[in-house]
C-alpha atoms as a PDB file:
ATOM      1  CA  MET A   1      -7.647  -0.388 -34.264  1.00  0.00           C
ATOM      2  CA  LYS A   2      -4.393  -1.078 -36.028  1.00  0.00           C
ATOM      3  CA  ILE A   3      -1.065  -2.411 -34.666  1.00  0.00           C
ATOM      4  CA  SER A   4       1.907  -2.060 -37.084  1.00  0.00           C
ATOM      5  CA  LYS A   5       4.742  -4.517 -37.187  1.00  0.00           C
ATOM      6  CA  LYS A   6       6.963  -1.421 -36.436  1.00  0.00           C
ATOM      7  CA  ASP A   7       5.087  -0.863 -33.231  1.00  0.00           C
ATOM      8  CA  ILE A   8       5.381  -4.584 -32.225  1.00  0.00           C
ATOM      9  CA  ARG A   9       9.047  -4.692 -32.972  1.00  0.00           C
ATOM     10  CA  ALA A  10       9.797  -1.542 -30.986  1.00  0.00           C
ATOM     11  CA  SER A  11       7.645  -2.480 -27.990  1.00  0.00           C
ATOM     12  CA  PHE A  12       9.345  -5.840 -27.536  1.00  0.00           C
ATOM     13  CA  SER A  13      12.862  -4.349 -28.237  1.00  0.00           C
ATOM     14  CA  ARG A  14      12.198  -1.732 -25.415  1.00  0.00           C
ATOM     15  CA  ALA A  15      11.103  -4.533 -23.108  1.00  0.00           C
ATOM     16  CA  SER A  16      13.912  -6.874 -23.836  1.00  0.00           C
ATOM     17  CA  GLU A  17      15.745  -6.203 -20.622  1.00  0.00           C
ATOM     18  CA  THR A  18      12.803  -6.435 -18.365  1.00  0.00           C
ATOM     19  CA  TYR A  19      11.069  -9.265 -20.161  1.00  0.00           C
ATOM     20  CA  ASP A  20      12.478 -12.300 -18.342  1.00  0.00           C
ATOM     21  CA  SER A  21      11.835 -10.902 -14.868  1.00  0.00           C
ATOM     22  CA  SER A  22       8.270 -10.049 -15.679  1.00  0.00           C
ATOM     23  CA  ALA A  23       6.939 -12.534 -18.182  1.00  0.00           C
ATOM     24  CA  TRP A  24       5.507 -15.007 -15.741  1.00  0.00           C
ATOM     25  CA  ILE A  25       2.505 -15.822 -17.955  1.00  0.00           C
ATOM     26  CA  GLN A  26       4.766 -16.398 -21.034  1.00  0.00           C
ATOM     27  CA  GLN A  27       6.944 -18.665 -18.898  1.00  0.00           C
ATOM     28  CA  GLU A  28       3.924 -20.633 -17.932  1.00  0.00           C
ATOM     29  CA  VAL A  29       2.905 -20.937 -21.576  1.00  0.00           C
ATOM     30  CA  ASN A  30       6.449 -22.285 -22.344  1.00  0.00           C
ATOM     31  CA  ARG A  31       6.201 -24.819 -19.598  1.00  0.00           C
ATOM     32  CA  LEU A  32       2.824 -26.070 -20.823  1.00  0.00           C
ATOM     33  CA  LEU A  33       3.882 -26.155 -24.412  1.00  0.00           C
ATOM     34  CA  LEU A  34       6.967 -28.184 -23.653  1.00  0.00           C
ATOM     35  CA  LYS A  35       4.736 -30.861 -22.341  1.00  0.00           C
ATOM     36  CA  GLN A  36       3.043 -31.037 -25.799  1.00  0.00           C
ATOM     37  CA  LEU A  37       6.315 -31.833 -27.610  1.00  0.00           C
ATOM     38  CA  PRO A  38       7.454 -35.371 -28.498  1.00  0.00           C
ATOM     39  CA  SER A  39      10.031 -36.973 -26.195  1.00  0.00           C
ATOM     40  CA  ALA A  40      12.150 -38.402 -29.073  1.00  0.00           C
ATOM     41  CA  LYS A  41      14.814 -36.520 -30.990  1.00  0.00           C
ATOM     42  CA  ILE A  42      13.683 -34.266 -33.804  1.00  0.00           C
ATOM     43  CA  LYS A  43      16.158 -33.504 -36.505  1.00  0.00           C
ATOM     44  CA  ASP A  44      15.129 -30.076 -37.890  1.00  0.00           C
ATOM     45  CA  ILE A  45      13.052 -27.584 -35.906  1.00  0.00           C
ATOM     46  CA  LEU A  46      11.823 -24.041 -36.726  1.00  0.00           C
ATOM     47  CA  GLU A  47      10.800 -21.821 -33.873  1.00  0.00           C
ATOM     48  CA  ILE A  48       8.610 -18.816 -34.522  1.00  0.00           C
ATOM     49  CA  GLY A  49       9.002 -15.926 -32.013  1.00  0.00           C
ATOM     50  CA  CYS A  50      11.900 -17.133 -29.831  1.00  0.00           C
ATOM     51  CA  GLY A  51      12.036 -13.938 -27.802  1.00  0.00           C
ATOM     52  CA  THR A  52      14.851 -14.086 -25.264  1.00  0.00           C
ATOM     53  CA  GLY A  53      15.523 -17.654 -26.067  1.00  0.00           C
ATOM     54  CA  SER A  54      14.345 -19.321 -22.891  1.00  0.00           C
ATOM     55  CA  LEU A  55      12.039 -21.821 -24.685  1.00  0.00           C
ATOM     56  CA  THR A  56      14.661 -22.213 -27.465  1.00  0.00           C
ATOM     57  CA  VAL A  57      17.181 -23.574 -24.870  1.00  0.00           C
ATOM     58  CA  GLU A  58      14.509 -25.987 -23.379  1.00  0.00           C
ATOM     59  CA  ILE A  59      13.533 -27.292 -26.878  1.00  0.00           C
ATOM     60  CA  ALA A  60      17.234 -27.985 -27.756  1.00  0.00           C
ATOM     61  CA  SER A  61      17.839 -29.774 -24.472  1.00  0.00           C
ATOM     62  CA  LYS A  62      14.616 -31.965 -24.882  1.00  0.00           C
ATOM     63  CA  LEU A  63      14.807 -32.750 -28.554  1.00  0.00           C
ATOM     64  CA  SER A  64      18.508 -32.688 -29.432  1.00  0.00           C
ATOM     65  CA  PRO A  65      17.963 -31.282 -32.940  1.00  0.00           C
ATOM     66  CA  ASP A  66      20.653 -31.276 -35.638  1.00  0.00           C
ATOM     67  CA  ARG A  67      19.360 -27.781 -36.528  1.00  0.00           C
ATOM     68  CA  LEU A  68      17.130 -25.401 -34.672  1.00  0.00           C
ATOM     69  CA  VAL A  69      16.292 -22.134 -36.504  1.00  0.00           C
ATOM     70  CA  ALA A  70      14.780 -19.624 -34.105  1.00  0.00           C
ATOM     71  CA  ILE A  71      13.419 -16.353 -35.374  1.00  0.00           C
ATOM     72  CA  ASP A  72      12.078 -13.256 -33.785  1.00  0.00           C
ATOM     73  CA  ILE A  73      10.974  -9.843 -35.058  1.00  0.00           C
ATOM     74  CA  SER A  74      12.722  -7.950 -32.334  1.00  0.00           C
ATOM     75  CA  SER A  75      16.522  -7.301 -32.514  1.00  0.00           C
ATOM     76  CA  GLY A  76      16.488  -6.436 -28.806  1.00  0.00           C
ATOM     77  CA  MET A  77      14.945  -9.714 -27.893  1.00  0.00           C
ATOM     78  CA  LEU A  78      17.454 -11.545 -30.106  1.00  0.00           C
ATOM     79  CA  SER A  79      20.363  -9.826 -28.424  1.00  0.00           C
ATOM     80  CA  MET A  80      19.131 -11.262 -25.156  1.00  0.00           C
ATOM     81  CA  ALA A  81      18.721 -14.627 -26.743  1.00  0.00           C
ATOM     82  CA  VAL A  82      22.436 -14.602 -27.818  1.00  0.00           C
ATOM     83  CA  LYS A  83      23.514 -13.865 -24.308  1.00  0.00           C
ATOM     84  CA  ARG A  84      21.500 -16.700 -22.918  1.00  0.00           C
ATOM     85  CA  ILE A  85      22.438 -19.301 -25.509  1.00  0.00           C
ATOM     86  CA  GLY A  86      26.122 -18.377 -25.701  1.00  0.00           C
ATOM     87  CA  ARG A  87      28.301 -21.322 -26.900  1.00  0.00           C
ATOM     88  CA  ARG A  88      26.197 -24.015 -25.235  1.00  0.00           C
ATOM     89  CA  CYS A  89      23.965 -24.634 -28.367  1.00  0.00           C
ATOM     90  CA  GLY A  90      26.013 -24.452 -31.423  1.00  0.00           C
ATOM     91  CA  LYS A  91      23.204 -25.969 -33.523  1.00  0.00           C
ATOM     92  CA  ILE A  92      20.960 -23.043 -32.847  1.00  0.00           C
ATOM     93  CA  HIS A  93      20.667 -20.391 -35.513  1.00  0.00           C
ATOM     94  CA  LEU A  94      18.976 -17.033 -34.559  1.00  0.00           C
ATOM     95  CA  VAL A  95      17.367 -14.998 -37.259  1.00  0.00           C
ATOM     96  CA  CYS A  96      15.785 -11.534 -37.001  1.00  0.00           C
ATOM     97  CA  SER A  97      12.641 -11.826 -39.163  1.00  0.00           C
ATOM     98  CA  ASP A  98       8.988 -11.289 -39.132  1.00  0.00           C
ATOM     99  CA  GLY A  99       7.243 -14.733 -38.622  1.00  0.00           C
ATOM    100  CA  GLU A 100       4.703 -13.887 -41.341  1.00  0.00           C
ATOM    101  CA  ASN A 101       7.240 -13.073 -43.884  1.00  0.00           C
ATOM    102  CA  ILE A 102      10.405 -15.154 -43.199  1.00  0.00           C
ATOM    103  CA  ALA A 103      12.823 -15.753 -46.072  1.00  0.00           C
ATOM    104  CA  LEU A 104      14.830 -19.021 -45.756  1.00  0.00           C
ATOM    105  CA  ARG A 105      16.612 -20.761 -48.450  1.00  0.00           C
ATOM    106  CA  PRO A 106      14.160 -22.269 -50.960  1.00  0.00           C
ATOM    107  CA  GLY A 107      13.538 -25.991 -50.097  1.00  0.00           C
ATOM    108  CA  THR A 108      14.372 -25.559 -46.497  1.00  0.00           C
ATOM    109  CA  ARG A 109      12.186 -27.957 -44.566  1.00  0.00           C
ATOM    110  CA  PHE A 110      11.622 -28.709 -40.894  1.00  0.00           C
ATOM    111  CA  ASP A 111      10.082 -31.714 -39.015  1.00  0.00           C
ATOM    112  CA  LEU A 112       8.715 -29.504 -36.303  1.00  0.00           C
ATOM    113  CA  LEU A 113       7.316 -25.908 -36.333  1.00  0.00           C
ATOM    114  CA  VAL A 114       6.845 -24.631 -32.765  1.00  0.00           C
ATOM    115  CA  SER A 115       5.720 -21.231 -31.490  1.00  0.00           C
ATOM    116  CA  ALA A 116       4.770 -19.749 -28.099  1.00  0.00           C
ATOM    117  CA  SER A 117       3.076 -16.440 -27.315  1.00  0.00           C
ATOM    118  CA  THR A 118       3.585 -15.105 -30.813  1.00  0.00           C
ATOM    119  CA  MET A 119       0.965 -16.019 -33.363  1.00  0.00           C
ATOM    120  CA  GLN A 120      -1.639 -13.730 -31.724  1.00  0.00           C
ATOM    121  CA  TRP A 121       0.178 -10.894 -33.246  1.00  0.00           C
ATOM    122  CA  PHE A 122      -0.041 -12.235 -36.853  1.00  0.00           C
ATOM    123  CA  LYS A 123      -2.133  -9.924 -38.994  1.00  0.00           C
ATOM    124  CA  ASP A 124      -3.556 -12.832 -40.856  1.00  0.00           C
ATOM    125  CA  LEU A 125      -3.256 -16.031 -38.726  1.00  0.00           C
ATOM    126  CA  GLY A 126      -5.017 -18.378 -41.111  1.00  0.00           C
ATOM    127  CA  SER A 127      -3.097 -17.357 -44.278  1.00  0.00           C
ATOM    128  CA  SER A 128       0.239 -17.100 -42.480  1.00  0.00           C
ATOM    129  CA  VAL A 129       0.037 -20.566 -40.743  1.00  0.00           C
ATOM    130  CA  HIS A 130      -1.012 -22.127 -44.011  1.00  0.00           C
ATOM    131  CA  LEU A 131       2.016 -20.462 -45.818  1.00  0.00           C
ATOM    132  CA  LEU A 132       4.435 -21.443 -43.128  1.00  0.00           C
ATOM    133  CA  CYS A 133       3.394 -25.067 -43.268  1.00  0.00           C
ATOM    134  CA  HIS A 134       3.325 -25.109 -47.037  1.00  0.00           C
ATOM    135  CA  GLU A 135       6.767 -23.577 -47.389  1.00  0.00           C
ATOM    136  CA  TYR A 136       8.762 -24.890 -44.501  1.00  0.00           C
ATOM    137  CA  LEU A 137       7.043 -27.933 -42.779  1.00  0.00           C
ATOM    138  CA  GLU A 138       7.769 -31.466 -44.017  1.00  0.00           C
ATOM    139  CA  GLU A 139       4.915 -33.697 -45.060  1.00  0.00           C
ATOM    140  CA  ASN A 140       3.619 -35.281 -41.784  1.00  0.00           C
ATOM    141  CA  GLY A 141       5.595 -32.630 -40.019  1.00  0.00           C
ATOM    142  CA  LEU A 142       4.331 -31.511 -36.621  1.00  0.00           C
ATOM    143  CA  LEU A 143       3.072 -27.993 -35.552  1.00  0.00           C
ATOM    144  CA  VAL A 144       2.771 -27.211 -31.861  1.00  0.00           C
ATOM    145  CA  ALA A 145       1.795 -23.682 -31.015  1.00  0.00           C
ATOM    146  CA  ALA A 146       0.427 -21.704 -28.039  1.00  0.00           C
ATOM    147  CA  PHE A 147      -0.865 -18.122 -28.361  1.00  0.00           C
ATOM    148  CA  PHE A 148      -3.193 -15.760 -26.581  1.00  0.00           C
ATOM    149  CA  GLY A 149      -6.889 -15.545 -27.427  1.00  0.00           C
ATOM    150  CA  LYS A 150      -9.371 -12.785 -27.837  1.00  0.00           C
ATOM    151  CA  ASN A 151     -10.561 -13.091 -24.178  1.00  0.00           C
ATOM    152  CA  THR A 152      -7.182 -12.088 -22.823  1.00  0.00           C
ATOM    153  CA  LEU A 153      -7.429  -9.030 -20.492  1.00  0.00           C
ATOM    154  CA  LYS A 154     -11.233  -9.121 -20.841  1.00  0.00           C
ATOM    155  CA  GLU A 155     -11.631  -7.613 -17.330  1.00  0.00           C
ATOM    156  CA  LEU A 156      -9.458  -4.645 -18.313  1.00  0.00           C
ATOM    157  CA  SER A 157     -11.494  -4.162 -21.447  1.00  0.00           C
ATOM    158  CA  LEU A 158     -14.819  -4.216 -19.536  1.00  0.00           C
ATOM    159  CA  ALA A 159     -13.506  -1.888 -16.949  1.00  0.00           C
ATOM    160  CA  ILE A 160     -12.426   0.611 -19.599  1.00  0.00           C
ATOM    161  CA  SER A 161     -15.904   0.295 -21.118  1.00  0.00           C
ATOM    162  CA  ASP A 162     -17.472   1.146 -17.704  1.00  0.00           C
ATOM    163  CA  ALA A 163     -15.114   4.046 -17.133  1.00  0.00           C
ATOM    164  CA  PHE A 164     -15.272   5.670 -20.521  1.00  0.00           C
ATOM    165  CA  ALA A 165     -18.673   4.636 -21.991  1.00  0.00           C
ATOM    166  CA  ASP A 166     -18.577   7.632 -24.244  1.00  0.00           C
ATOM    167  CA  ARG A 167     -15.194   6.764 -25.812  1.00  0.00           C
ATOM    168  CA  GLU A 168     -13.958   3.708 -27.699  1.00  0.00           C
ATOM    169  CA  VAL A 169     -10.748   2.328 -26.291  1.00  0.00           C
ATOM    170  CA  LEU A 170      -9.641  -0.961 -27.937  1.00  0.00           C
ATOM    171  CA  LEU A 171      -6.876  -3.092 -26.410  1.00  0.00           C
ATOM    172  CA  PRO A 172      -4.593  -5.366 -28.515  1.00  0.00           C
ATOM    173  CA  PRO A 173      -6.433  -8.643 -27.510  1.00  0.00           C
ATOM    174  CA  GLU A 174      -9.448  -7.327 -29.414  1.00  0.00           C
ATOM    175  CA  LEU A 175      -7.449  -8.362 -32.500  1.00  0.00           C
ATOM    176  CA  PHE A 176      -6.256 -11.738 -31.128  1.00  0.00           C
ATOM    177  CA  PRO A 177      -7.619 -14.995 -32.555  1.00  0.00           C
ATOM    178  CA  GLU A 178     -11.120 -16.234 -31.465  1.00  0.00           C
ATOM    179  CA  PHE A 179     -11.135 -19.882 -30.247  1.00  0.00           C
ATOM    180  CA  SER A 180     -14.326 -20.810 -31.959  1.00  0.00           C
ATOM    181  CA  SER A 181     -12.869 -19.922 -35.430  1.00  0.00           C
ATOM    182  CA  LEU A 182      -9.771 -22.115 -35.359  1.00  0.00           C
ATOM    183  CA  PHE A 183     -11.132 -25.450 -36.275  1.00  0.00           C
ATOM    184  CA  GLY A 184     -12.603 -24.029 -39.440  1.00  0.00           C
ATOM    185  CA  MET A 185      -9.492 -22.185 -40.169  1.00  0.00           C
ATOM    186  CA  PHE A 186      -7.108 -25.087 -39.893  1.00  0.00           C
ATOM    187  CA  GLY A 187      -9.140 -28.321 -40.032  1.00  0.00           C
ATOM    188  CA  CYS A 188      -8.116 -28.943 -43.625  1.00  0.00           C
ATOM    189  CA  LEU A 189      -4.467 -28.363 -43.045  1.00  0.00           C
ATOM    190  CA  PHE A 190      -3.677 -30.926 -40.297  1.00  0.00           C
ATOM    191  CA  THR A 191      -4.627 -34.472 -39.342  1.00  0.00           C
ATOM    192  CA  HIS A 192      -5.501 -35.220 -35.804  1.00  0.00           C
ATOM    193  CA  LEU A 193      -5.839 -31.543 -35.068  1.00  0.00           C
ATOM    194  CA  GLU A 194      -6.067 -30.713 -31.312  1.00  0.00           C
ATOM    195  CA  ILE A 195      -7.246 -27.235 -30.172  1.00  0.00           C
ATOM    196  CA  ARG A 196      -7.882 -26.361 -26.580  1.00  0.00           C
ATOM    197  CA  ARG A 197      -7.918 -23.404 -24.400  1.00  0.00           C
ATOM    198  CA  LYS A 198      -6.905 -22.575 -20.806  1.00  0.00           C
ATOM    199  CA  VAL A 199      -7.543 -19.381 -18.908  1.00  0.00           C
ATOM    200  CA  ILE A 200      -5.164 -18.296 -16.139  1.00  0.00           C
ATOM    201  CA  VAL A 201      -6.172 -15.523 -13.835  1.00  0.00           C
ATOM    202  CA  LYS A 202      -3.643 -13.336 -11.904  1.00  0.00           C
ATOM    203  CA  GLU A 203      -4.512 -10.694  -9.265  1.00  0.00           C
ATOM    204  CA  TYR A 204      -2.486  -7.496  -9.066  1.00  0.00           C
ATOM    205  CA  GLN A 205      -2.016  -5.023  -6.153  1.00  0.00           C
ATOM    206  CA  ASP A 206      -3.364  -2.273  -8.190  1.00  0.00           C
ATOM    207  CA  LEU A 207      -4.067  -1.035 -11.664  1.00  0.00           C
ATOM    208  CA  LEU A 208      -0.497   0.434 -12.084  1.00  0.00           C
ATOM    209  CA  GLN A 209       1.020  -2.876 -11.339  1.00  0.00           C
ATOM    210  CA  LEU A 210      -0.974  -4.555 -14.078  1.00  0.00           C
ATOM    211  CA  LEU A 211      -0.156  -1.827 -16.633  1.00  0.00           C
ATOM    212  CA  ARG A 212       3.471  -1.990 -15.678  1.00  0.00           C
ATOM    213  CA  HIS A 213       3.525  -5.733 -16.255  1.00  0.00           C
ATOM    214  CA  LEU A 214       2.083  -5.299 -19.732  1.00  0.00           C
ATOM    215  CA  LYS A 215       4.709  -2.579 -20.483  1.00  0.00           C
ATOM    216  CA  MET A 216       7.672  -4.655 -19.121  1.00  0.00           C
ATOM    217  CA  THR A 217       6.708  -7.652 -21.220  1.00  0.00           C
ATOM    218  CA  GLY A 218       6.265  -5.697 -24.473  1.00  0.00           C
ATOM    219  CA  VAL A 219       2.580  -6.499 -24.940  1.00  0.00           C
ATOM    220  CA  SER A 220       1.378  -3.053 -25.240  1.00  0.00           C
ATOM    221  CA  PRO A 221       2.627  -1.921 -28.644  1.00  0.00           C
ATOM    222  CA  GLY A 222       1.914   1.688 -29.465  1.00  0.00           C
ATOM    223  CA  GLY A 223       1.987   2.487 -25.705  1.00  0.00           C
ATOM    224  CA  ARG A 224      -0.763   3.115 -23.300  1.00  0.00           C
ATOM    225  CA  PRO A 225      -3.914   4.502 -24.964  1.00  0.00           C
ATOM    226  CA  PRO A 226      -3.953   8.468 -24.749  1.00  0.00           C
ATOM    227  CA  LEU A 227      -7.121   8.214 -22.641  1.00  0.00           C
ATOM    228  CA  LEU A 228      -5.270   6.375 -19.881  1.00  0.00           C
ATOM    229  CA  THR A 229      -2.160   8.748 -19.447  1.00  0.00           C
ATOM    230  CA  SER A 230      -3.589  11.045 -16.822  1.00  0.00           C
ATOM    231  CA  PRO A 231      -3.684  10.251 -13.024  1.00  0.00           C
ATOM    232  CA  GLY A 232      -7.394  11.176 -12.949  1.00  0.00           C
ATOM    233  CA  ALA A 233      -8.245   8.777 -15.810  1.00  0.00           C
ATOM    234  CA  LEU A 234      -6.327   5.959 -14.124  1.00  0.00           C
ATOM    235  CA  SER A 235      -8.108   6.597 -10.762  1.00  0.00           C
ATOM    236  CA  ARG A 236     -11.452   6.538 -12.574  1.00  0.00           C
ATOM    237  CA  LEU A 237     -10.587   3.276 -14.312  1.00  0.00           C
ATOM    238  CA  GLU A 238      -9.348   1.581 -11.134  1.00  0.00           C
ATOM    239  CA  ARG A 239     -12.546   2.586  -9.356  1.00  0.00           C
ATOM    240  CA  CYS A 240     -14.695   1.139 -12.058  1.00  0.00           C
ATOM    241  CA  TYR A 241     -12.457  -2.044 -12.156  1.00  0.00           C
ATOM    242  CA  LEU A 242     -12.963  -2.572  -8.366  1.00  0.00           C
ATOM    243  CA  GLU A 243     -16.692  -1.853  -8.572  1.00  0.00           C
ATOM    244  CA  ARG A 244     -17.117  -4.596 -11.227  1.00  0.00           C
ATOM    245  CA  PHE A 245     -14.696  -7.267 -10.176  1.00  0.00           C
ATOM    246  CA  GLY A 246     -13.850  -6.495  -6.475  1.00  0.00           C
ATOM    247  CA  THR A 247     -10.132  -6.863  -7.180  1.00  0.00           C
ATOM    248  CA  ILE A 248      -7.673  -5.889  -9.953  1.00  0.00           C
ATOM    249  CA  ARG A 249      -7.484  -9.248 -11.722  1.00  0.00           C
ATOM    250  CA  ALA A 250      -6.558 -10.194 -15.325  1.00  0.00           C
ATOM    251  CA  GLY A 251      -7.398 -13.377 -17.250  1.00  0.00           C
ATOM    252  CA  PHE A 252      -5.093 -14.629 -19.885  1.00  0.00           C
ATOM    253  CA  GLU A 253      -6.738 -16.975 -22.480  1.00  0.00           C
ATOM    254  CA  ILE A 254      -4.125 -19.333 -23.879  1.00  0.00           C
ATOM    255  CA  ILE A 255      -4.986 -21.414 -26.958  1.00  0.00           C
ATOM    256  CA  PHE A 256      -3.008 -24.575 -27.656  1.00  0.00           C
ATOM    257  CA  MET A 257      -2.925 -26.038 -31.077  1.00  0.00           C
ATOM    258  CA  LYS A 258      -1.226 -29.349 -32.309  1.00  0.00           C
ATOM    259  CA  GLY A 259      -1.473 -31.147 -35.561  1.00  0.00           C
ATOM    260  CA  ARG A 260       0.336 -33.045 -38.241  1.00  0.00           C
ATOM    261  CA  LYS A 261       0.444 -31.679 -41.764  1.00  0.00           C
ATOM    262  CA  ARG A 262      -1.626 -33.500 -44.240  1.00  0.00           C
END
């Protein structure tokens, strides 16, 4: 399964107007990540994947930076961020860019690199974080990130396997980072590296409500798998889901990572 950056960009742009009203799990990630940030002022901050700017505003309010550069791959999301930020935060600079291939002025450095609900979309998480820290994070600079792990939507994946045992249907979380691999990936990059995980489970009224939630938050790039587009297929999947779990519930694996650059 491959997900192109073009698909990711288009999916989040399409969801930009429904994102804030539907992104309850991303809002919870933001709330938990804010608790991991220092309480004292930080001068220069880089945010990867700012979306509609809700976390951006909270970071600016908490840390009073002299400069906060917030980037996102989706122009639609950035348009919503512009509306949210308005003139209140003149020190926030919004940039439309891919977090794995950003181009800032050579020598640009930040004291804090922060990212929420974004790095799971990186094609090469290890190399990209190493590069970001090497190019843009000050020595002893702090990285605080939260992203979704491979076990996200595991219930949906298992129900699909039950319903369509003769077909292979892979969901985006199959490509998300695996918790057990992260210490080996980043242990040499940071001092006092902290990595932990939390699973949040949500119950939905029915399968369509779950699928609509995924669509309205942009987390189904490429659209619904062709196998799941007919009413008959959806009914079959919902039946298998209920037989296995008793309810339509979905677990979201959130991985929190915090460390200082060596």
